[in-house]
Amino acid sequence: MRKGHWIIDPETAPVVKRIFDLALAGNGPMRIANLLEKDQVPTAKAIYAKRRGKPLPPLCFKPFLVIC
């Protein structure tokens, strides 16, 4: 990766887009976290652990993880 260039992760990009869409619709961090948790959306940490073959952390979003 070159400095100043972003690389989009195709596996996590839909979650990021959903978070932004929910925030733009007026949802706060608590509501967004609750919706993602209800839909069992894996956190980035869970996705990266799965890729590395490590045990999955709890699949839960906390409001402090959703910063709008």
PDB file of N, CA and C in Angstrom:
ATOM      1  N   MET A   1       0.858  -1.185   0.000  1.00  0.00           N
ATOM      2  CA  MET A   1       0.000   0.000   0.000  1.00  0.00           C
ATOM      3  C   MET A   1       0.893   1.234   0.000  1.00  0.00           C
ATOM      4  N   ARG A   2       0.598   2.128  -0.895  1.00  0.00           N
ATOM      5  CA  ARG A   2       1.340   3.387  -0.954  1.00  0.00           C
ATOM      6  C   ARG A   2       0.731   4.368   0.014  1.00  0.00           C
ATOM      7  N   LYS A   3       1.572   5.176   0.600  1.00  0.00           N
ATOM      8  CA  LYS A   3       1.121   6.178   1.551  1.00  0.00           C
ATOM      9  C   LYS A   3       0.100   7.105   0.882  1.00  0.00           C
ATOM     10  N   GLY A   4      -0.999   7.339   1.581  1.00  0.00           N
ATOM     11  CA  GLY A   4      -2.026   8.235   1.067  1.00  0.00           C
ATOM     12  C   GLY A   4      -3.051   7.573   0.159  1.00  0.00           C
ATOM     13  N   HIS A   5      -2.934   6.273  -0.048  1.00  0.00           N
ATOM     14  CA  HIS A   5      -3.887   5.558  -0.894  1.00  0.00           C
ATOM     15  C   HIS A   5      -4.684   4.572  -0.045  1.00  0.00           C
ATOM     16  N   TRP A   6      -5.966   4.569  -0.253  1.00  0.00           N
ATOM     17  CA  TRP A   6      -6.860   3.674   0.485  1.00  0.00           C
ATOM     18  C   TRP A   6      -7.126   2.441  -0.354  1.00  0.00           C
ATOM     19  N   ILE A   7      -7.199   1.313   0.299  1.00  0.00           N
ATOM     20  CA  ILE A   7      -7.560   0.065  -0.368  1.00  0.00           C
ATOM     21  C   ILE A   7      -8.896  -0.383   0.207  1.00  0.00           C
ATOM     22  N   ILE A   8      -9.877  -0.559  -0.660  1.00  0.00           N
ATOM     23  CA  ILE A   8     -11.210  -0.964  -0.230  1.00  0.00           C
ATOM     24  C   ILE A   8     -11.236  -2.472  -0.041  1.00  0.00           C
ATOM     25  N   ASP A   9     -11.696  -2.885   1.120  1.00  0.00           N
ATOM     26  CA  ASP A   9     -11.843  -4.302   1.437  1.00  0.00           C
ATOM     27  C   ASP A   9     -13.239  -4.715   0.978  1.00  0.00           C
ATOM     28  N   PRO A  10     -13.340  -5.544  -0.056  1.00  0.00           N
ATOM     29  CA  PRO A  10     -14.657  -5.899  -0.594  1.00  0.00           C
ATOM     30  C   PRO A  10     -15.562  -6.633   0.387  1.00  0.00           C
ATOM     31  N   GLU A  11     -14.973  -7.296   1.379  1.00  0.00           N
ATOM     32  CA  GLU A  11     -15.785  -8.046   2.337  1.00  0.00           C
ATOM     33  C   GLU A  11     -16.406  -7.133   3.398  1.00  0.00           C
ATOM     34  N   THR A  12     -15.699  -6.079   3.780  1.00  0.00           N
ATOM     35  CA  THR A  12     -16.210  -5.191   4.827  1.00  0.00           C
ATOM     36  C   THR A  12     -16.854  -3.924   4.267  1.00  0.00           C
ATOM     37  N   ALA A  13     -16.638  -3.626   3.002  1.00  0.00           N
ATOM     38  CA  ALA A  13     -17.181  -2.401   2.402  1.00  0.00           C
ATOM     39  C   ALA A  13     -18.704  -2.297   2.525  1.00  0.00           C
ATOM     40  N   PRO A  14     -19.468  -3.366   2.322  1.00  0.00           N
ATOM     41  CA  PRO A  14     -20.922  -3.239   2.459  1.00  0.00           C
ATOM     42  C   PRO A  14     -21.356  -2.841   3.875  1.00  0.00           C
ATOM     43  N   VAL A  15     -20.619  -3.309   4.885  1.00  0.00           N
ATOM     44  CA  VAL A  15     -20.958  -2.952   6.265  1.00  0.00           C
ATOM     45  C   VAL A  15     -20.671  -1.472   6.495  1.00  0.00           C
ATOM     46  N   VAL A  16     -19.541  -1.007   6.007  1.00  0.00           N
ATOM     47  CA  VAL A  16     -19.191   0.408   6.152  1.00  0.00           C
ATOM     48  C   VAL A  16     -20.231   1.273   5.452  1.00  0.00           C
ATOM     49  N   LYS A  17     -20.626   0.877   4.243  1.00  0.00           N
ATOM     50  CA  LYS A  17     -21.645   1.644   3.512  1.00  0.00           C
ATOM     51  C   LYS A  17     -22.961   1.658   4.278  1.00  0.00           C
ATOM     52  N   ARG A  18     -23.324   0.521   4.838  1.00  0.00           N
ATOM     53  CA  ARG A  18     -24.576   0.446   5.606  1.00  0.00           C
ATOM     54  C   ARG A  18     -24.528   1.370   6.820  1.00  0.00           C
ATOM     55  N   ILE A  19     -23.407   1.397   7.513  1.00  0.00           N
ATOM     56  CA  ILE A  19     -23.267   2.282   8.677  1.00  0.00           C
ATOM     57  C   ILE A  19     -23.439   3.737   8.256  1.00  0.00           C
ATOM     58  N   PHE A  20     -22.785   4.135   7.170  1.00  0.00           N
ATOM     59  CA  PHE A  20     -22.927   5.514   6.692  1.00  0.00           C
ATOM     60  C   PHE A  20     -24.357   5.807   6.269  1.00  0.00           C
ATOM     61  N   ASP A  21     -24.993   4.878   5.570  1.00  0.00           N
ATOM     62  CA  ASP A  21     -26.385   5.071   5.146  1.00  0.00           C
ATOM     63  C   ASP A  21     -27.314   5.228   6.357  1.00  0.00           C
ATOM     64  N   LEU A  22     -27.113   4.390   7.366  1.00  0.00           N
ATOM     65  CA  LEU A  22     -27.938   4.488   8.577  1.00  0.00           C
ATOM     66  C   LEU A  22     -27.703   5.813   9.291  1.00  0.00           C
ATOM     67  N   ALA A  23     -26.456   6.255   9.335  1.00  0.00           N
ATOM     68  CA  ALA A  23     -26.147   7.543   9.982  1.00  0.00           C
ATOM     69  C   ALA A  23     -26.775   8.694   9.208  1.00  0.00           C
ATOM     70  N   LEU A  24     -26.688   8.648   7.892  1.00  0.00           N
ATOM     71  CA  LEU A  24     -27.296   9.701   7.071  1.00  0.00           C
ATOM     72  C   LEU A  24     -28.808   9.731   7.207  1.00  0.00           C
ATOM     73  N   ALA A  25     -29.397   8.592   7.528  1.00  0.00           N
ATOM     74  CA  ALA A  25     -30.850   8.511   7.719  1.00  0.00           C
ATOM     75  C   ALA A  25     -31.260   9.015   9.110  1.00  0.00           C
ATOM     76  N   GLY A  26     -30.273   9.436   9.907  1.00  0.00           N
ATOM     77  CA  GLY A  26     -30.589  10.014  11.205  1.00  0.00           C
ATOM     78  C   GLY A  26     -30.430   9.084  12.396  1.00  0.00           C
ATOM     79  N   ASN A  27     -29.908   7.896  12.172  1.00  0.00           N
ATOM     80  CA  ASN A  27     -29.700   6.947  13.268  1.00  0.00           C
ATOM     81  C   ASN A  27     -28.408   7.283  14.002  1.00  0.00           C
ATOM     82  N   GLY A  28     -28.442   7.169  15.307  1.00  0.00           N
ATOM     83  CA  GLY A  28     -27.258   7.404  16.117  1.00  0.00           C
ATOM     84  C   GLY A  28     -26.472   6.123  16.318  1.00  0.00           C
ATOM     85  N   PRO A  29     -25.294   6.231  16.947  1.00  0.00           N
ATOM     86  CA  PRO A  29     -24.444   5.066  17.145  1.00  0.00           C
ATOM     87  C   PRO A  29     -25.125   3.910  17.889  1.00  0.00           C
ATOM     88  N   MET A  30     -25.924   4.214  18.901  1.00  0.00           N
ATOM     89  CA  MET A  30     -26.594   3.156  19.664  1.00  0.00           C
ATOM     90  C   MET A  30     -27.573   2.392  18.772  1.00  0.00           C
ATOM     91  N   ARG A  31     -28.368   3.100  18.010  1.00  0.00           N
ATOM     92  CA  ARG A  31     -29.354   2.464  17.126  1.00  0.00           C
ATOM     93  C   ARG A  31     -28.650   1.646  16.041  1.00  0.00           C
ATOM     94  N   ILE A  32     -27.591   2.204  15.460  1.00  0.00           N
ATOM     95  CA  ILE A  32     -26.851   1.497  14.413  1.00  0.00           C
ATOM     96  C   ILE A  32     -26.249   0.217  14.984  1.00  0.00           C
ATOM     97  N   ALA A  33     -25.621   0.315  16.151  1.00  0.00           N
ATOM     98  CA  ALA A  33     -25.025  -0.862  16.784  1.00  0.00           C
ATOM     99  C   ALA A  33     -26.090  -1.927  17.052  1.00  0.00           C
ATOM    100  N   ASN A  34     -27.243  -1.506  17.540  1.00  0.00           N
ATOM    101  CA  ASN A  34     -28.327  -2.460  17.821  1.00  0.00           C
ATOM    102  C   ASN A  34     -28.822  -3.137  16.547  1.00  0.00           C
ATOM    103  N   LEU A  35     -28.963  -2.379  15.467  1.00  0.00           N
ATOM    104  CA  LEU A  35     -29.420  -2.959  14.196  1.00  0.00           C
ATOM    105  C   LEU A  35     -28.406  -3.961  13.647  1.00  0.00           C
ATOM    106  N   LEU A  36     -27.128  -3.610  13.697  1.00  0.00           N
ATOM    107  CA  LEU A  36     -26.099  -4.511  13.190  1.00  0.00           C
ATOM    108  C   LEU A  36     -26.014  -5.775  14.033  1.00  0.00           C
ATOM    109  N   GLU A  37     -26.140  -5.612  15.340  1.00  0.00           N
ATOM    110  CA  GLU A  37     -26.098  -6.772  16.227  1.00  0.00           C
ATOM    111  C   GLU A  37     -27.310  -7.669  16.007  1.00  0.00           C
ATOM    112  N   LYS A  38     -28.486  -7.051  15.847  1.00  0.00           N
ATOM    113  CA  LYS A  38     -29.718  -7.814  15.607  1.00  0.00           C
ATOM    114  C   LYS A  38     -29.606  -8.645  14.327  1.00  0.00           C
ATOM    115  N   ASP A  39     -28.978  -8.058  13.303  1.00  0.00           N
ATOM    116  CA  ASP A  39     -28.813  -8.747  12.024  1.00  0.00           C
ATOM    117  C   ASP A  39     -27.576  -9.646  12.009  1.00  0.00           C
ATOM    118  N   GLN A  40     -26.902  -9.759  13.143  1.00  0.00           N
ATOM    119  CA  GLN A  40     -25.709 -10.593  13.295  1.00  0.00           C
ATOM    120  C   GLN A  40     -24.636 -10.268  12.262  1.00  0.00           C
ATOM    121  N   VAL A  41     -24.423  -8.990  12.044  1.00  0.00           N
ATOM    122  CA  VAL A  41     -23.375  -8.532  11.141  1.00  0.00           C
ATOM    123  C   VAL A  41     -22.043  -8.676  11.876  1.00  0.00           C
ATOM    124  N   PRO A  42     -21.093  -9.391  11.307  1.00  0.00           N
ATOM    125  CA  PRO A  42     -19.815  -9.551  12.000  1.00  0.00           C
ATOM    126  C   PRO A  42     -19.024  -8.249  12.033  1.00  0.00           C
ATOM    127  N   THR A  43     -18.318  -8.047  13.135  1.00  0.00           N
ATOM    128  CA  THR A  43     -17.454  -6.877  13.241  1.00  0.00           C
ATOM    129  C   THR A  43     -16.230  -7.094  12.360  1.00  0.00           C
ATOM    130  N   ALA A  44     -15.507  -6.025  12.079  1.00  0.00           N
ATOM    131  CA  ALA A  44     -14.276  -6.137  11.295  1.00  0.00           C
ATOM    132  C   ALA A  44     -13.301  -7.082  11.993  1.00  0.00           C
ATOM    133  N   LYS A  45     -13.223  -6.992  13.310  1.00  0.00           N
ATOM    134  CA  LYS A  45     -12.329  -7.868  14.077  1.00  0.00           C
ATOM    135  C   LYS A  45     -12.692  -9.333  13.855  1.00  0.00           C
ATOM    136  N   ALA A  46     -13.983  -9.644  13.821  1.00  0.00           N
ATOM    137  CA  ALA A  46     -14.426 -11.021  13.591  1.00  0.00           C
ATOM    138  C   ALA A  46     -14.063 -11.483  12.180  1.00  0.00           C
ATOM    139  N   ILE A  47     -14.219 -10.605  11.211  1.00  0.00           N
ATOM    140  CA  ILE A  47     -13.891 -10.954   9.820  1.00  0.00           C
ATOM    141  C   ILE A  47     -12.399 -11.227   9.683  1.00  0.00           C
ATOM    142  N   TYR A  48     -11.570 -10.363  10.281  1.00  0.00           N
ATOM    143  CA  TYR A  48     -10.123 -10.541  10.187  1.00  0.00           C
ATOM    144  C   TYR A  48      -9.669 -11.797  10.929  1.00  0.00           C
ATOM    145  N   ALA A  49     -10.286 -12.105  12.068  1.00  0.00           N
ATOM    146  CA  ALA A  49      -9.946 -13.329  12.813  1.00  0.00           C
ATOM    147  C   ALA A  49     -10.282 -14.553  11.967  1.00  0.00           C
ATOM    148  N   LYS A  50     -11.423 -14.523  11.307  1.00  0.00           N
ATOM    149  CA  LYS A  50     -11.843 -15.644  10.454  1.00  0.00           C
ATOM    150  C   LYS A  50     -10.843 -15.862   9.316  1.00  0.00           C
ATOM    151  N   ARG A  51     -10.388 -14.765   8.720  1.00  0.00           N
ATOM    152  CA  ARG A  51      -9.410 -14.866   7.628  1.00  0.00           C
ATOM    153  C   ARG A  51      -8.118 -15.520   8.090  1.00  0.00           C
ATOM    154  N   ARG A  52      -7.734 -15.249   9.318  1.00  0.00           N
ATOM    155  CA  ARG A  52      -6.468 -15.774   9.850  1.00  0.00           C
ATOM    156  C   ARG A  52      -6.646 -17.135  10.525  1.00  0.00           C
ATOM    157  N   GLY A  53      -7.867 -17.662  10.513  1.00  0.00           N
ATOM    158  CA  GLY A  53      -8.125 -18.955  11.117  1.00  0.00           C
ATOM    159  C   GLY A  53      -8.074 -18.932  12.635  1.00  0.00           C
ATOM    160  N   LYS A  54      -8.291 -17.767  13.214  1.00  0.00           N
ATOM    161  CA  LYS A  54      -8.276 -17.631  14.674  1.00  0.00           C
ATOM    162  C   LYS A  54      -9.696 -17.724  15.211  1.00  0.00           C
ATOM    163  N   PRO A  55      -9.834 -17.982  16.516  1.00  0.00           N
ATOM    164  CA  PRO A  55     -11.180 -18.046  17.102  1.00  0.00           C
ATOM    165  C   PRO A  55     -11.914 -16.715  16.912  1.00  0.00           C
ATOM    166  N   LEU A  56     -13.188 -16.819  16.628  1.00  0.00           N
ATOM    167  CA  LEU A  56     -13.979 -15.616  16.402  1.00  0.00           C
ATOM    168  C   LEU A  56     -14.336 -14.948  17.723  1.00  0.00           C
ATOM    169  N   PRO A  57     -14.150 -13.622  17.782  1.00  0.00           N
ATOM    170  CA  PRO A  57     -14.616 -12.897  18.964  1.00  0.00           C
ATOM    171  C   PRO A  57     -16.138 -12.806  18.909  1.00  0.00           C
ATOM    172  N   PRO A  58     -16.770 -12.374  19.989  1.00  0.00           N
ATOM    173  CA  PRO A  58     -18.234 -12.214  19.964  1.00  0.00           C
ATOM    174  C   PRO A  58     -18.652 -11.304  18.808  1.00  0.00           C
ATOM    175  N   LEU A  59     -19.715 -11.699  18.112  1.00  0.00           N
ATOM    176  CA  LEU A  59     -20.197 -10.915  16.973  1.00  0.00           C
ATOM    177  C   LEU A  59     -21.150  -9.831  17.460  1.00  0.00           C
ATOM    178  N   CYS A  60     -20.598  -8.850  18.116  1.00  0.00           N
ATOM    179  CA  CYS A  60     -21.468  -7.800  18.617  1.00  0.00           C
ATOM    180  C   CYS A  60     -20.852  -6.429  18.384  1.00  0.00           C
ATOM    181  N   PHE A  61     -21.696  -5.512  18.034  1.00  0.00           N
ATOM    182  CA  PHE A  61     -21.301  -4.127  17.858  1.00  0.00           C
ATOM    183  C   PHE A  61     -21.637  -3.369  19.128  1.00  0.00           C
ATOM    184  N   LYS A  62     -20.739  -2.535  19.548  1.00  0.00           N
ATOM    185  CA  LYS A  62     -20.966  -1.653  20.683  1.00  0.00           C
ATOM    186  C   LYS A  62     -21.047  -0.235  20.138  1.00  0.00           C
ATOM    187  N   PRO A  63     -21.847   0.615  20.763  1.00  0.00           N
ATOM    188  CA  PRO A  63     -21.986   1.988  20.246  1.00  0.00           C
ATOM    189  C   PRO A  63     -20.661   2.707  20.042  1.00  0.00           C
ATOM    190  N   PHE A  64     -19.658   2.443  20.891  1.00  0.00           N
ATOM    191  CA  PHE A  64     -18.384   3.143  20.731  1.00  0.00           C
ATOM    192  C   PHE A  64     -17.613   2.652  19.505  1.00  0.00           C
ATOM    193  N   LEU A  65     -18.016   1.516  18.927  1.00  0.00           N
ATOM    194  CA  LEU A  65     -17.408   1.048  17.695  1.00  0.00           C
ATOM    195  C   LEU A  65     -18.016   1.713  16.467  1.00  0.00           C
ATOM    196  N   VAL A  66     -19.199   2.284  16.631  1.00  0.00           N
ATOM    197  CA  VAL A  66     -19.902   2.934  15.530  1.00  0.00           C
ATOM    198  C   VAL A  66     -19.778   4.436  15.741  1.00  0.00           C
ATOM    199  N   ILE A  67     -18.809   5.022  15.073  1.00  0.00           N
ATOM    200  CA  ILE A  67     -18.572   6.457  15.247  1.00  0.00           C
ATOM    201  C   ILE A  67     -19.016   7.140  13.959  1.00  0.00           C
ATOM    202  N   CYS A  68     -19.982   8.022  14.116  1.00  0.00           N
ATOM    203  CA  CYS A  68     -20.554   8.699  12.949  1.00  0.00           C
ATOM    204  C   CYS A  68     -19.998  10.114  12.842  1.00  0.00           C
TER     205      CYS A  68
END
